[in-house]
Amino acid sequence: MNHDRIHAQEPSHHRDRWTVGTIAELAERDGHCVVTVEDESGEPTELIVTMAIRDLFISRLDIDADENPVGERVWFRKRGGQ
């Protein structure tokens, strides 16, 4: 499976390859995390990442450990699919 890319902070390189979005929903599917993000125009995109990547990018968001990450800004790249 090709996993998508997601960052909690603006990437320092190849900025033109990343899209800014807002987390709309987090779900789990087949042992992976599905992060639905909406870009600046409101277009939703489903990103498939490992649970470890989910934990990593959420830990880097500027929120408390018990806060929900929905509504937080992220940078993402759609890489593949199932």
N, C-alpha and C. Protein backbone atom coordinates (compact mmCIF):
# COMPACT_ATOMS: atom_id res chain seq x y z
N MET A 1 0.84 -1.18 0.00
CA MET A 1 0.00 0.00 0.00
C MET A 1 0.88 1.24 0.00
N ASN A 2 0.58 2.18 -0.87
CA ASN A 2 1.25 3.47 -0.87
C ASN A 2 0.55 4.37 0.14
N HIS A 3 1.31 4.89 1.07
CA HIS A 3 0.72 5.76 2.08
C HIS A 3 0.88 7.22 1.67
N ASP A 4 -0.09 8.01 2.09
CA ASP A 4 -0.06 9.43 1.81
C ASP A 4 0.86 10.11 2.82
N ARG A 5 1.11 11.38 2.63
CA ARG A 5 2.00 12.15 3.50
C ARG A 5 1.21 13.24 4.19
N ILE A 6 1.55 13.49 5.46
CA ILE A 6 0.90 14.55 6.22
C ILE A 6 1.88 15.10 7.24
N HIS A 7 1.87 16.42 7.38
CA HIS A 7 2.75 17.11 8.34
C HIS A 7 1.93 18.07 9.18
N ALA A 8 2.31 18.19 10.45
CA ALA A 8 1.65 19.12 11.35
C ALA A 8 2.20 20.53 11.20
N GLN A 9 3.40 20.65 10.65
CA GLN A 9 4.02 21.95 10.45
C GLN A 9 4.41 22.11 9.00
N GLU A 10 4.51 23.35 8.58
CA GLU A 10 4.84 23.62 7.18
C GLU A 10 6.18 23.00 6.82
N PRO A 11 6.22 22.23 5.74
CA PRO A 11 7.48 21.63 5.31
C PRO A 11 8.51 22.71 4.96
N SER A 12 9.77 22.41 5.20
CA SER A 12 10.82 23.39 4.95
C SER A 12 11.38 23.31 3.53
N HIS A 13 11.02 22.26 2.80
CA HIS A 13 11.52 22.11 1.43
C HIS A 13 10.39 21.67 0.51
N HIS A 14 10.54 21.95 -0.77
CA HIS A 14 9.54 21.59 -1.79
C HIS A 14 8.13 22.02 -1.38
N ARG A 15 8.02 23.23 -0.90
CA ARG A 15 6.72 23.73 -0.40
C ARG A 15 5.63 23.70 -1.46
N ASP A 16 6.03 23.83 -2.72
CA ASP A 16 5.05 23.85 -3.81
C ASP A 16 4.41 22.47 -4.03
N ARG A 17 4.96 21.42 -3.46
CA ARG A 17 4.41 20.07 -3.62
C ARG A 17 3.37 19.71 -2.56
N TRP A 18 3.17 20.59 -1.59
CA TRP A 18 2.28 20.31 -0.47
C TRP A 18 1.03 21.16 -0.57
N THR A 19 -0.08 20.63 -0.08
CA THR A 19 -1.35 21.34 -0.02
C THR A 19 -1.67 21.60 1.44
N VAL A 20 -2.15 22.80 1.72
CA VAL A 20 -2.58 23.14 3.08
C VAL A 20 -4.03 22.72 3.23
N GLY A 21 -4.33 22.10 4.36
CA GLY A 21 -5.71 21.68 4.61
C GLY A 21 -6.04 21.71 6.09
N THR A 22 -7.28 21.44 6.38
CA THR A 22 -7.79 21.39 7.74
C THR A 22 -8.36 20.01 7.99
N ILE A 23 -8.01 19.43 9.11
CA ILE A 23 -8.52 18.10 9.44
C ILE A 23 -10.03 18.18 9.65
N ALA A 24 -10.77 17.38 8.90
CA ALA A 24 -12.23 17.33 9.03
C ALA A 24 -12.68 16.10 9.81
N GLU A 25 -11.89 15.00 9.72
CA GLU A 25 -12.30 13.76 10.38
C GLU A 25 -11.11 12.81 10.45
N LEU A 26 -11.08 12.02 11.53
CA LEU A 26 -10.12 10.92 11.68
C LEU A 26 -10.92 9.64 11.86
N ALA A 27 -10.51 8.59 11.18
CA ALA A 27 -11.19 7.30 11.29
C ALA A 27 -10.14 6.20 11.16
N GLU A 28 -10.56 4.98 11.42
CA GLU A 28 -9.67 3.84 11.26
C GLU A 28 -10.31 2.88 10.27
N ARG A 29 -9.47 2.36 9.36
CA ARG A 29 -9.95 1.42 8.37
C ARG A 29 -8.84 0.42 8.07
N ASP A 30 -9.13 -0.84 8.23
CA ASP A 30 -8.18 -1.92 7.92
C ASP A 30 -6.83 -1.73 8.59
N GLY A 31 -6.84 -1.27 9.84
CA GLY A 31 -5.61 -1.09 10.60
C GLY A 31 -4.82 0.15 10.24
N HIS A 32 -5.39 1.04 9.43
CA HIS A 32 -4.74 2.28 9.05
C HIS A 32 -5.60 3.45 9.52
N CYS A 33 -5.00 4.61 9.55
CA CYS A 33 -5.74 5.82 9.90
C CYS A 33 -6.16 6.52 8.61
N VAL A 34 -7.41 6.91 8.54
CA VAL A 34 -7.94 7.67 7.41
C VAL A 34 -8.17 9.09 7.92
N VAL A 35 -7.42 10.02 7.37
CA VAL A 35 -7.53 11.42 7.75
C VAL A 35 -8.22 12.14 6.60
N THR A 36 -9.39 12.68 6.86
CA THR A 36 -10.07 13.48 5.85
C THR A 36 -9.70 14.93 6.09
N VAL A 37 -9.11 15.55 5.08
CA VAL A 37 -8.73 16.95 5.16
C VAL A 37 -9.48 17.72 4.08
N GLU A 38 -9.73 18.98 4.37
CA GLU A 38 -10.35 19.86 3.39
C GLU A 38 -9.33 20.91 3.01
N ASP A 39 -9.13 21.10 1.71
CA ASP A 39 -8.20 22.14 1.26
C ASP A 39 -8.86 23.50 1.41
N GLU A 40 -8.16 24.53 0.98
CA GLU A 40 -8.66 25.90 1.16
C GLU A 40 -9.97 26.17 0.43
N SER A 41 -10.27 25.38 -0.60
CA SER A 41 -11.54 25.56 -1.32
C SER A 41 -12.67 24.72 -0.72
N GLY A 42 -12.33 23.92 0.32
CA GLY A 42 -13.34 23.08 0.96
C GLY A 42 -13.43 21.69 0.37
N GLU A 43 -12.58 21.38 -0.60
CA GLU A 43 -12.59 20.06 -1.25
C GLU A 43 -12.00 19.02 -0.29
N PRO A 44 -12.76 17.95 0.03
CA PRO A 44 -12.23 16.93 0.94
C PRO A 44 -11.31 15.94 0.22
N THR A 45 -10.30 15.49 0.95
CA THR A 45 -9.36 14.48 0.46
C THR A 45 -9.15 13.47 1.58
N GLU A 46 -9.26 12.18 1.25
CA GLU A 46 -8.96 11.13 2.22
C GLU A 46 -7.50 10.75 2.10
N LEU A 47 -6.81 10.78 3.23
CA LEU A 47 -5.41 10.38 3.28
C LEU A 47 -5.32 9.10 4.10
N ILE A 48 -4.55 8.15 3.63
CA ILE A 48 -4.35 6.88 4.34
C ILE A 48 -2.92 6.89 4.88
N VAL A 49 -2.80 6.81 6.20
CA VAL A 49 -1.48 6.79 6.85
C VAL A 49 -1.46 5.67 7.89
N THR A 50 -0.27 5.29 8.29
CA THR A 50 -0.16 4.28 9.35
C THR A 50 -0.57 4.89 10.68
N MET A 51 -0.86 4.04 11.64
CA MET A 51 -1.23 4.51 12.97
C MET A 51 -0.04 5.24 13.61
N ALA A 52 1.17 4.79 13.32
CA ALA A 52 2.36 5.45 13.86
C ALA A 52 2.49 6.88 13.33
N ILE A 53 2.22 7.06 12.03
CA ILE A 53 2.26 8.41 11.45
C ILE A 53 1.16 9.27 12.04
N ARG A 54 -0.01 8.70 12.25
CA ARG A 54 -1.10 9.44 12.90
C ARG A 54 -0.63 9.96 14.26
N ASP A 55 -0.06 9.06 15.07
CA ASP A 55 0.40 9.46 16.40
C ASP A 55 1.47 10.54 16.31
N LEU A 56 2.37 10.42 15.34
CA LEU A 56 3.45 11.39 15.18
C LEU A 56 2.92 12.76 14.80
N PHE A 57 2.10 12.87 13.77
CA PHE A 57 1.67 14.19 13.35
C PHE A 57 0.73 14.83 14.37
N ILE A 58 -0.08 14.03 15.04
CA ILE A 58 -0.95 14.59 16.08
C ILE A 58 -0.12 15.11 17.25
N SER A 59 0.95 14.40 17.59
CA SER A 59 1.80 14.86 18.70
C SER A 59 2.50 16.17 18.37
N ARG A 60 2.64 16.47 17.09
CA ARG A 60 3.32 17.70 16.68
C ARG A 60 2.36 18.88 16.46
N LEU A 61 1.07 18.63 16.57
CA LEU A 61 0.10 19.72 16.47
C LEU A 61 0.17 20.56 17.74
N ASP A 62 -0.20 21.80 17.64
CA ASP A 62 -0.17 22.71 18.78
C ASP A 62 -1.47 22.58 19.58
N ILE A 63 -1.72 21.36 20.09
CA ILE A 63 -2.90 21.10 20.90
C ILE A 63 -2.48 20.26 22.11
N ASP A 64 -3.32 20.26 23.12
CA ASP A 64 -3.07 19.43 24.30
C ASP A 64 -3.34 17.97 23.94
N ALA A 65 -2.75 17.06 24.70
CA ALA A 65 -2.86 15.63 24.42
C ALA A 65 -4.31 15.14 24.41
N ASP A 66 -5.19 15.77 25.18
CA ASP A 66 -6.58 15.33 25.26
C ASP A 66 -7.50 16.07 24.29
N GLU A 67 -6.95 16.98 23.49
CA GLU A 67 -7.76 17.74 22.53
C GLU A 67 -7.94 16.98 21.23
N ASN A 68 -9.06 17.20 20.59
CA ASN A 68 -9.38 16.59 19.30
C ASN A 68 -8.67 17.38 18.20
N PRO A 69 -7.98 16.70 17.28
CA PRO A 69 -7.26 17.41 16.21
C PRO A 69 -8.14 17.93 15.07
N VAL A 70 -9.43 17.61 15.07
CA VAL A 70 -10.32 18.11 14.03
C VAL A 70 -10.31 19.64 14.07
N GLY A 71 -10.13 20.23 12.90
CA GLY A 71 -10.09 21.68 12.79
C GLY A 71 -8.67 22.23 12.73
N GLU A 72 -7.67 21.38 12.96
CA GLU A 72 -6.29 21.82 12.94
C GLU A 72 -5.75 21.85 11.50
N ARG A 73 -4.84 22.78 11.24
CA ARG A 73 -4.23 22.93 9.93
C ARG A 73 -3.07 21.95 9.77
N VAL A 74 -2.98 21.33 8.59
CA VAL A 74 -1.90 20.40 8.25
C VAL A 74 -1.48 20.62 6.80
N TRP A 75 -0.36 20.02 6.43
CA TRP A 75 0.13 20.03 5.06
C TRP A 75 0.13 18.59 4.59
N PHE A 76 -0.33 18.35 3.36
CA PHE A 76 -0.47 16.96 2.92
C PHE A 76 -0.13 16.79 1.45
N ARG A 77 0.16 15.52 1.11
CA ARG A 77 0.38 15.09 -0.26
C ARG A 77 -0.29 13.75 -0.45
N LYS A 78 -1.11 13.64 -1.44
CA LYS A 78 -1.76 12.38 -1.81
C LYS A 78 -0.77 11.58 -2.62
N ARG A 79 -0.43 10.38 -2.15
CA ARG A 79 0.61 9.59 -2.80
C ARG A 79 0.11 8.39 -3.56
N GLY A 80 -0.92 7.80 -3.10
CA GLY A 80 -1.30 6.54 -3.74
C GLY A 80 -2.68 6.14 -3.31
N GLY A 81 -2.82 4.92 -2.98
CA GLY A 81 -4.11 4.44 -2.55
C GLY A 81 -4.02 3.01 -2.17
N GLN A 82 -5.13 2.35 -2.28
CA GLN A 82 -5.20 0.97 -1.81
C GLN A 82 -4.94 -0.01 -2.89
